[in-house]
């Protein structure tokens, strides 16, 4: 897979929490979008800043979907199709 460039989008939630969505344009016109499903992480991996924060909250369905919708609206003219990637721990 050839990655052409990567974009991180920072979202501020209503409660003041911040999450990231990552847009990764790849070869052959495909784009992968990684959306957040949580604020923080319960795994406590010492090499990972997010893991050291601990799990703060699970995102609502609306908060997860809004990330995907935002990325699709932002990039749908440039990259087709969009591949959405959801990661849960």
PDB file of N, CA and C in Angstrom:
ATOM      1  N   UNK A   1       0.850  -1.170   0.000  1.00  0.00           N
ATOM      2  CA  UNK A   1       0.000   0.000   0.000  1.00  0.00           C
ATOM      3  C   UNK A   1       0.899   1.236   0.000  1.00  0.00           C
ATOM      4  N   UNK A   2       0.634   2.131  -0.881  1.00  0.00           N
ATOM      5  CA  UNK A   2       1.358   3.399  -0.971  1.00  0.00           C
ATOM      6  C   UNK A   2       0.505   4.491  -0.342  1.00  0.00           C
ATOM      7  N   UNK A   3       1.022   5.138   0.687  1.00  0.00           N
ATOM      8  CA  UNK A   3       0.304   6.235   1.339  1.00  0.00           C
ATOM      9  C   UNK A   3       0.784   7.539   0.728  1.00  0.00           C
ATOM     10  N   UNK A   4      -0.143   8.306   0.177  1.00  0.00           N
ATOM     11  CA  UNK A   4       0.198   9.546  -0.501  1.00  0.00           C
ATOM     12  C   UNK A   4       0.392  10.700   0.480  1.00  0.00           C
ATOM     13  N   UNK A   5      -0.455  10.809   1.472  1.00  0.00           N
ATOM     14  CA  UNK A   5      -0.348  11.806   2.540  1.00  0.00           C
ATOM     15  C   UNK A   5      -1.380  11.423   3.592  1.00  0.00           C
ATOM     16  N   UNK A   6      -1.270  11.994   4.746  1.00  0.00           N
ATOM     17  CA  UNK A   6      -2.184  11.649   5.824  1.00  0.00           C
ATOM     18  C   UNK A   6      -2.659  12.937   6.487  1.00  0.00           C
ATOM     19  N   UNK A   7      -3.910  12.957   6.902  1.00  0.00           N
ATOM     20  CA  UNK A   7      -4.473  14.138   7.548  1.00  0.00           C
ATOM     21  C   UNK A   7      -5.131  13.726   8.857  1.00  0.00           C
ATOM     22  N   UNK A   8      -4.774  14.402   9.937  1.00  0.00           N
ATOM     23  CA  UNK A   8      -5.417  14.186  11.223  1.00  0.00           C
ATOM     24  C   UNK A   8      -6.375  15.344  11.472  1.00  0.00           C
ATOM     25  N   UNK A   9      -7.616  15.001  11.816  1.00  0.00           N
ATOM     26  CA  UNK A   9      -8.639  16.001  12.106  1.00  0.00           C
ATOM     27  C   UNK A   9      -8.941  15.923  13.598  1.00  0.00           C
ATOM     28  N   UNK A  10      -8.830  17.045  14.282  1.00  0.00           N
ATOM     29  CA  UNK A  10      -9.102  17.099  15.714  1.00  0.00           C
ATOM     30  C   UNK A  10     -10.518  17.635  15.930  1.00  0.00           C
ATOM     31  N   UNK A  11     -11.326  16.865  16.642  1.00  0.00           N
ATOM     32  CA  UNK A  11     -12.689  17.271  16.976  1.00  0.00           C
ATOM     33  C   UNK A  11     -12.758  17.603  18.462  1.00  0.00           C
ATOM     34  N   UNK A  12     -13.435  18.686  18.805  1.00  0.00           N
ATOM     35  CA  UNK A  12     -13.736  19.014  20.202  1.00  0.00           C
ATOM     36  C   UNK A  12     -15.190  18.650  20.457  1.00  0.00           C
ATOM     37  N   UNK A  13     -15.425  17.832  21.463  1.00  0.00           N
ATOM     38  CA  UNK A  13     -16.776  17.398  21.791  1.00  0.00           C
ATOM     39  C   UNK A  13     -17.440  18.404  22.723  1.00  0.00           C
ATOM     40  N   UNK A  14     -18.748  18.275  22.879  1.00  0.00           N
ATOM     41  CA  UNK A  14     -19.502  19.218  23.708  1.00  0.00           C
ATOM     42  C   UNK A  14     -19.008  19.264  25.148  1.00  0.00           C
ATOM     43  N   UNK A  15     -18.485  18.148  25.656  1.00  0.00           N
ATOM     44  CA  UNK A  15     -18.010  18.116  27.043  1.00  0.00           C
ATOM     45  C   UNK A  15     -16.558  18.579  27.181  1.00  0.00           C
ATOM     46  N   UNK A  16     -15.957  19.042  26.083  1.00  0.00           N
ATOM     47  CA  UNK A  16     -14.583  19.523  26.110  1.00  0.00           C
ATOM     48  C   UNK A  16     -13.544  18.470  25.764  1.00  0.00           C
ATOM     49  N   UNK A  17     -13.944  17.216  25.653  1.00  0.00           N
ATOM     50  CA  UNK A  17     -13.020  16.151  25.253  1.00  0.00           C
ATOM     51  C   UNK A  17     -12.592  16.360  23.809  1.00  0.00           C
ATOM     52  N   UNK A  18     -11.413  15.855  23.467  1.00  0.00           N
ATOM     53  CA  UNK A  18     -10.925  15.938  22.094  1.00  0.00           C
ATOM     54  C   UNK A  18     -10.666  14.536  21.557  1.00  0.00           C
ATOM     55  N   UNK A  19     -11.005  14.341  20.286  1.00  0.00           N
ATOM     56  CA  UNK A  19     -10.769  13.066  19.604  1.00  0.00           C
ATOM     57  C   UNK A  19     -10.165  13.352  18.237  1.00  0.00           C
ATOM     58  N   UNK A  20      -9.561  12.325  17.644  1.00  0.00           N
ATOM     59  CA  UNK A  20      -8.958  12.462  16.320  1.00  0.00           C
ATOM     60  C   UNK A  20      -9.617  11.523  15.326  1.00  0.00           C
ATOM     61  N   UNK A  21      -9.721  12.000  14.105  1.00  0.00           N
ATOM     62  CA  UNK A  21     -10.075  11.189  12.955  1.00  0.00           C
ATOM     63  C   UNK A  21      -8.899  11.294  11.998  1.00  0.00           C
ATOM     64  N   UNK A  22      -8.481  10.170  11.433  1.00  0.00           N
ATOM     65  CA  UNK A  22      -7.333  10.167  10.534  1.00  0.00           C
ATOM     66  C   UNK A  22      -7.797   9.761   9.139  1.00  0.00           C
ATOM     67  N   UNK A  23      -7.430  10.571   8.144  1.00  0.00           N
ATOM     68  CA  UNK A  23      -7.762  10.302   6.744  1.00  0.00           C
ATOM     69  C   UNK A  23      -6.461   9.916   6.042  1.00  0.00           C
ATOM     70  N   UNK A  24      -6.443   8.725   5.434  1.00  0.00           N
ATOM     71  CA  UNK A  24      -5.241   8.206   4.790  1.00  0.00           C
ATOM     72  C   UNK A  24      -5.541   7.918   3.322  1.00  0.00           C
ATOM     73  N   UNK A  25      -5.175   8.832   2.412  1.00  0.00           N
ATOM     74  CA  UNK A  25      -5.312   8.548   0.983  1.00  0.00           C
ATOM     75  C   UNK A  25      -4.269   7.507   0.578  1.00  0.00           C
ATOM     76  N   UNK A  26      -4.694   6.483  -0.114  1.00  0.00           N
ATOM     77  CA  UNK A  26      -3.803   5.404  -0.535  1.00  0.00           C
ATOM     78  C   UNK A  26      -3.753   5.336  -2.056  1.00  0.00           C
ATOM     79  N   UNK A  27      -3.019   4.391  -2.554  1.00  0.00           N
ATOM     80  CA  UNK A  27      -2.887   4.253  -4.003  1.00  0.00           C
ATOM     81  C   UNK A  27      -4.211   3.845  -4.636  1.00  0.00           C
ATOM     82  N   UNK A  28      -4.290   3.988  -5.916  1.00  0.00           N
ATOM     83  CA  UNK A  28      -5.464   3.638  -6.729  1.00  0.00           C
ATOM     84  C   UNK A  28      -6.724   4.396  -6.337  1.00  0.00           C
ATOM     85  N   UNK A  29      -6.569   5.614  -5.795  1.00  0.00           N
ATOM     86  CA  UNK A  29      -7.720   6.454  -5.514  1.00  0.00           C
ATOM     87  C   UNK A  29      -8.530   6.063  -4.299  1.00  0.00           C
ATOM     88  N   UNK A  30      -8.045   5.120  -3.519  1.00  0.00           N
ATOM     89  CA  UNK A  30      -8.784   4.700  -2.323  1.00  0.00           C
ATOM     90  C   UNK A  30      -8.362   5.541  -1.125  1.00  0.00           C
ATOM     91  N   UNK A  31      -9.270   5.717  -0.198  1.00  0.00           N
ATOM     92  CA  UNK A  31      -8.996   6.475   1.012  1.00  0.00           C
ATOM     93  C   UNK A  31      -9.517   5.700   2.213  1.00  0.00           C
ATOM     94  N   UNK A  32      -8.708   5.626   3.253  1.00  0.00           N
ATOM     95  CA  UNK A  32      -9.122   4.991   4.497  1.00  0.00           C
ATOM     96  C   UNK A  32      -9.359   6.080   5.537  1.00  0.00           C
ATOM     97  N   UNK A  33     -10.468   5.975   6.252  1.00  0.00           N
ATOM     98  CA  UNK A  33     -10.797   6.919   7.316  1.00  0.00           C
ATOM     99  C   UNK A  33     -10.868   6.140   8.625  1.00  0.00           C
ATOM    100  N   UNK A  34     -10.041   6.524   9.595  1.00  0.00           N
ATOM    101  CA  UNK A  34     -10.043   5.903  10.926  1.00  0.00           C
ATOM    102  C   UNK A  34     -10.753   6.850  11.882  1.00  0.00           C
ATOM    103  N   UNK A  35     -11.828   6.381  12.487  1.00  0.00           N
ATOM    104  CA  UNK A  35     -12.594   7.222  13.407  1.00  0.00           C
ATOM    105  C   UNK A  35     -12.402   6.739  14.838  1.00  0.00           C
ATOM    106  N   UNK A  36     -12.543   7.642  15.780  1.00  0.00           N
ATOM    107  CA  UNK A  36     -12.438   7.303  17.199  1.00  0.00           C
ATOM    108  C   UNK A  36     -13.761   6.748  17.704  1.00  0.00           C
ATOM    109  N   UNK A  37     -13.681   5.792  18.633  1.00  0.00           N
ATOM    110  CA  UNK A  37     -14.880   5.258  19.274  1.00  0.00           C
ATOM    111  C   UNK A  37     -14.873   5.524  20.780  1.00  0.00           C
ATOM    112  N   UNK A  38     -13.743   6.049  21.277  1.00  0.00           N
ATOM    113  CA  UNK A  38     -13.608   6.320  22.701  1.00  0.00           C
ATOM    114  C   UNK A  38     -12.762   7.568  22.906  1.00  0.00           C
ATOM    115  N   UNK A  39     -12.881   8.151  24.079  1.00  0.00           N
ATOM    116  CA  UNK A  39     -11.933   9.169  24.529  1.00  0.00           C
ATOM    117  C   UNK A  39     -11.013   8.440  25.496  1.00  0.00           C
ATOM    118  N   UNK A  40      -9.732   8.395  25.168  1.00  0.00           N
ATOM    119  CA  UNK A  40      -8.781   7.636  25.959  1.00  0.00           C
ATOM    120  C   UNK A  40      -8.822   6.167  25.586  1.00  0.00           C
ATOM    121  N   UNK A  41      -8.154   5.347  26.406  1.00  0.00           N
ATOM    122  CA  UNK A  41      -8.057   3.915  26.127  1.00  0.00           C
ATOM    123  C   UNK A  41      -7.790   3.176  27.432  1.00  0.00           C
ATOM    124  N   UNK A  42      -8.421   2.032  27.599  1.00  0.00           N
ATOM    125  CA  UNK A  42      -8.281   1.249  28.827  1.00  0.00           C
ATOM    126  C   UNK A  42      -7.075   0.313  28.822  1.00  0.00           C
ATOM    127  N   UNK A  43      -6.343   0.222  27.719  1.00  0.00           N
ATOM    128  CA  UNK A  43      -5.254  -0.754  27.611  1.00  0.00           C
ATOM    129  C   UNK A  43      -4.024  -0.387  28.442  1.00  0.00           C
ATOM    130  N   UNK A  44      -3.808   0.883  28.723  1.00  0.00           N
ATOM    131  CA  UNK A  44      -2.696   1.352  29.555  1.00  0.00           C
ATOM    132  C   UNK A  44      -1.322   0.962  29.005  1.00  0.00           C
ATOM    133  N   UNK A  45      -1.164   0.953  27.687  1.00  0.00           N
ATOM    134  CA  UNK A  45       0.146   0.692  27.079  1.00  0.00           C
ATOM    135  C   UNK A  45       1.079   1.854  27.422  1.00  0.00           C
ATOM    136  N   UNK A  46       2.223   1.568  27.987  1.00  0.00           N
ATOM    137  CA  UNK A  46       3.128   2.617  28.449  1.00  0.00           C
ATOM    138  C   UNK A  46       3.810   3.371  27.313  1.00  0.00           C
ATOM    139  N   UNK A  47       3.869   2.782  26.120  1.00  0.00           N
ATOM    140  CA  UNK A  47       4.470   3.465  24.972  1.00  0.00           C
ATOM    141  C   UNK A  47       3.489   4.414  24.293  1.00  0.00           C
ATOM    142  N   UNK A  48       2.223   4.378  24.699  1.00  0.00           N
ATOM    143  CA  UNK A  48       1.168   5.130  24.009  1.00  0.00           C
ATOM    144  C   UNK A  48       0.607   6.220  24.924  1.00  0.00           C
ATOM    145  N   UNK A  49       0.634   7.450  24.460  1.00  0.00           N
ATOM    146  CA  UNK A  49       0.120   8.570  25.252  1.00  0.00           C
ATOM    147  C   UNK A  49      -1.362   8.385  25.571  1.00  0.00           C
ATOM    148  N   UNK A  50      -2.149   7.990  24.581  1.00  0.00           N
ATOM    149  CA  UNK A  50      -3.590   7.806  24.791  1.00  0.00           C
ATOM    150  C   UNK A  50      -3.850   6.716  25.821  1.00  0.00           C
ATOM    151  N   UNK A  51      -3.091   5.635  25.752  1.00  0.00           N
ATOM    152  CA  UNK A  51      -3.252   4.549  26.712  1.00  0.00           C
ATOM    153  C   UNK A  51      -2.950   4.975  28.136  1.00  0.00           C
ATOM    154  N   UNK A  52      -1.982   5.844  28.304  1.00  0.00           N
ATOM    155  CA  UNK A  52      -1.624   6.321  29.647  1.00  0.00           C
ATOM    156  C   UNK A  52      -2.691   7.245  30.226  1.00  0.00           C
ATOM    157  N   UNK A  53      -3.549   7.809  29.380  1.00  0.00           N
ATOM    158  CA  UNK A  53      -4.633   8.672  29.869  1.00  0.00           C
ATOM    159  C   UNK A  53      -5.732   7.873  30.554  1.00  0.00           C
ATOM    160  N   UNK A  54      -5.851   6.605  30.198  1.00  0.00           N
ATOM    161  CA  UNK A  54      -6.949   5.797  30.703  1.00  0.00           C
ATOM    162  C   UNK A  54      -8.210   6.041  29.885  1.00  0.00           C
ATOM    163  N   UNK A  55      -9.180   5.186  30.076  1.00  0.00           N
ATOM    164  CA  UNK A  55     -10.450   5.323  29.360  1.00  0.00           C
ATOM    165  C   UNK A  55     -11.282   6.400  30.027  1.00  0.00           C
ATOM    166  N   UNK A  56     -11.638   7.420  29.261  1.00  0.00           N
ATOM    167  CA  UNK A  56     -12.443   8.518  29.815  1.00  0.00           C
ATOM    168  C   UNK A  56     -13.932   8.323  29.532  1.00  0.00           C
ATOM    169  N   UNK A  57     -14.248   7.893  28.282  1.00  0.00           N
ATOM    170  CA  UNK A  57     -15.657   7.620  27.957  1.00  0.00           C
ATOM    171  C   UNK A  57     -15.749   6.946  26.596  1.00  0.00           C
ATOM    172  N   UNK A  58     -16.868   6.260  26.389  1.00  0.00           N
ATOM    173  CA  UNK A  58     -17.205   5.713  25.080  1.00  0.00           C
ATOM    174  C   UNK A  58     -17.981   6.790  24.328  1.00  0.00           C
ATOM    175  N   UNK A  59     -17.718   6.937  23.046  1.00  0.00           N
ATOM    176  CA  UNK A  59     -18.443   7.930  22.251  1.00  0.00           C
ATOM    177  C   UNK A  59     -19.844   7.431  21.934  1.00  0.00           C
ATOM    178  N   UNK A  60     -20.756   8.366  21.765  1.00  0.00           N
ATOM    179  CA  UNK A  60     -22.112   8.021  21.347  1.00  0.00           C
ATOM    180  C   UNK A  60     -22.093   7.646  19.868  1.00  0.00           C
ATOM    181  N   UNK A  61     -23.137   6.998  19.440  1.00  0.00           N
ATOM    182  CA  UNK A  61     -23.258   6.660  18.021  1.00  0.00           C
ATOM    183  C   UNK A  61     -23.166   7.914  17.171  1.00  0.00           C
ATOM    184  N   UNK A  62     -23.834   8.974  17.591  1.00  0.00           N
ATOM    185  CA  UNK A  62     -23.825  10.230  16.828  1.00  0.00           C
ATOM    186  C   UNK A  62     -22.414  10.803  16.718  1.00  0.00           C
ATOM    187  N   UNK A  63     -21.630  10.729  17.796  1.00  0.00           N
ATOM    188  CA  UNK A  63     -20.263  11.266  17.767  1.00  0.00           C
ATOM    189  C   UNK A  63     -19.370  10.469  16.818  1.00  0.00           C
ATOM    190  N   UNK A  64     -19.587   9.162  16.736  1.00  0.00           N
ATOM    191  CA  UNK A  64     -18.807   8.323  15.821  1.00  0.00           C
ATOM    192  C   UNK A  64     -19.218   8.588  14.378  1.00  0.00           C
ATOM    193  N   UNK A  65     -20.520   8.602  14.131  1.00  0.00           N
ATOM    194  CA  UNK A  65     -21.023   8.810  12.770  1.00  0.00           C
ATOM    195  C   UNK A  65     -20.630  10.187  12.247  1.00  0.00           C
ATOM    196  N   UNK A  66     -20.665  11.203  13.089  1.00  0.00           N
ATOM    197  CA  UNK A  66     -20.321  12.560  12.645  1.00  0.00           C
ATOM    198  C   UNK A  66     -18.893  12.630  12.107  1.00  0.00           C
ATOM    199  N   UNK A  67     -17.978  11.882  12.686  1.00  0.00           N
ATOM    200  CA  UNK A  67     -16.602  11.857  12.176  1.00  0.00           C
ATOM    201  C   UNK A  67     -16.565  11.326  10.740  1.00  0.00           C
ATOM    202  N   UNK A  68     -17.280  10.240  10.505  1.00  0.00           N
ATOM    203  CA  UNK A  68     -17.316   9.635   9.174  1.00  0.00           C
ATOM    204  C   UNK A  68     -17.987  10.562   8.168  1.00  0.00           C
ATOM    205  N   UNK A  69     -19.084  11.177   8.565  1.00  0.00           N
ATOM    206  CA  UNK A  69     -19.800  12.097   7.677  1.00  0.00           C
ATOM    207  C   UNK A  69     -18.924  13.298   7.336  1.00  0.00           C
ATOM    208  N   UNK A  70     -18.241  13.854   8.327  1.00  0.00           N
ATOM    209  CA  UNK A  70     -17.367  15.001   8.097  1.00  0.00           C
ATOM    210  C   UNK A  70     -16.264  14.645   7.105  1.00  0.00           C
ATOM    211  N   UNK A  71     -15.604  13.517   7.320  1.00  0.00           N
ATOM    212  CA  UNK A  71     -14.525  13.094   6.419  1.00  0.00           C
ATOM    213  C   UNK A  71     -15.055  12.839   5.014  1.00  0.00           C
ATOM    214  N   UNK A  72     -16.215  12.216   4.916  1.00  0.00           N
ATOM    215  CA  UNK A  72     -16.791  11.942   3.596  1.00  0.00           C
ATOM    216  C   UNK A  72     -17.104  13.233   2.858  1.00  0.00           C
ATOM    217  N   UNK A  73     -17.704  14.187   3.539  1.00  0.00           N
ATOM    218  CA  UNK A  73     -18.024  15.478   2.905  1.00  0.00           C
ATOM    219  C   UNK A  73     -16.763  16.231   2.505  1.00  0.00           C
ATOM    220  N   UNK A  74     -15.739  16.138   3.316  1.00  0.00           N
ATOM    221  CA  UNK A  74     -14.493  16.848   3.064  1.00  0.00           C
ATOM    222  C   UNK A  74     -13.724  16.266   1.879  1.00  0.00           C
ATOM    223  N   UNK A  75     -13.781  14.941   1.704  1.00  0.00           N
ATOM    224  CA  UNK A  75     -12.913  14.292   0.728  1.00  0.00           C
ATOM    225  C   UNK A  75     -13.614  13.516  -0.373  1.00  0.00           C
ATOM    226  N   UNK A  76     -14.924  13.442  -0.389  1.00  0.00           N
ATOM    227  CA  UNK A  76     -15.597  12.580  -1.360  1.00  0.00           C
ATOM    228  C   UNK A  76     -15.363  13.001  -2.803  1.00  0.00           C
ATOM    229  N   UNK A  77     -15.102  14.273  -3.053  1.00  0.00           N
ATOM    230  CA  UNK A  77     -14.830  14.711  -4.426  1.00  0.00           C
ATOM    231  C   UNK A  77     -13.430  14.328  -4.881  1.00  0.00           C
ATOM    232  N   UNK A  78     -12.496  14.205  -3.942  1.00  0.00           N
ATOM    233  CA  UNK A  78     -11.105  13.917  -4.280  1.00  0.00           C
ATOM    234  C   UNK A  78     -10.788  12.434  -4.341  1.00  0.00           C
ATOM    235  N   UNK A  79     -11.422  11.651  -3.490  1.00  0.00           N
ATOM    236  CA  UNK A  79     -11.087  10.244  -3.370  1.00  0.00           C
ATOM    237  C   UNK A  79     -12.357   9.416  -3.387  1.00  0.00           C
ATOM    238  N   UNK A  80     -12.360   8.377  -4.187  1.00  0.00           N
ATOM    239  CA  UNK A  80     -13.529   7.520  -4.272  1.00  0.00           C
ATOM    240  C   UNK A  80     -13.070   6.095  -4.505  1.00  0.00           C
ATOM    241  N   UNK A  81     -13.556   5.118  -3.816  1.00  0.00           N
ATOM    242  CA  UNK A  81     -14.496   5.234  -2.699  1.00  0.00           C
ATOM    243  C   UNK A  81     -13.765   5.450  -1.386  1.00  0.00           C
ATOM    244  N   UNK A  82     -14.516   5.880  -0.389  1.00  0.00           N
ATOM    245  CA  UNK A  82     -13.968   6.003   0.961  1.00  0.00           C
ATOM    246  C   UNK A  82     -14.143   4.669   1.680  1.00  0.00           C
ATOM    247  N   UNK A  83     -13.117   4.225   2.344  1.00  0.00           N
ATOM    248  CA  UNK A  83     -13.185   3.013   3.153  1.00  0.00           C
ATOM    249  C   UNK A  83     -13.148   3.445   4.606  1.00  0.00           C
ATOM    250  N   UNK A  84     -14.160   3.095   5.368  1.00  0.00           N
ATOM    251  CA  UNK A  84     -14.210   3.479   6.770  1.00  0.00           C
ATOM    252  C   UNK A  84     -13.642   2.350   7.623  1.00  0.00           C
ATOM    253  N   UNK A  85     -12.793   2.700   8.561  1.00  0.00           N
ATOM    254  CA  UNK A  85     -12.160   1.730   9.443  1.00  0.00           C
ATOM    255  C   UNK A  85     -12.523   2.076  10.878  1.00  0.00           C
ATOM    256  N   UNK A  86     -13.114   1.128  11.577  1.00  0.00           N
ATOM    257  CA  UNK A  86     -13.516   1.345  12.965  1.00  0.00           C
ATOM    258  C   UNK A  86     -12.693   0.427  13.854  1.00  0.00           C
ATOM    259  N   UNK A  87     -12.055   0.980  14.870  1.00  0.00           N
ATOM    260  CA  UNK A  87     -11.219   0.202  15.774  1.00  0.00           C
ATOM    261  C   UNK A  87     -11.799   0.247  17.175  1.00  0.00           C
ATOM    262  N   UNK A  88     -12.005  -0.916  17.741  1.00  0.00           N
ATOM    263  CA  UNK A  88     -12.444  -1.005  19.131  1.00  0.00           C
ATOM    264  C   UNK A  88     -11.459  -1.871  19.875  1.00  0.00           C
ATOM    265  N   UNK A  89     -11.184  -1.502  21.097  1.00  0.00           N
ATOM    266  CA  UNK A  89     -10.275  -2.298  21.931  1.00  0.00           C
ATOM    267  C   UNK A  89     -11.104  -3.056  22.937  1.00  0.00           C
TER     268      UNK A  89
END
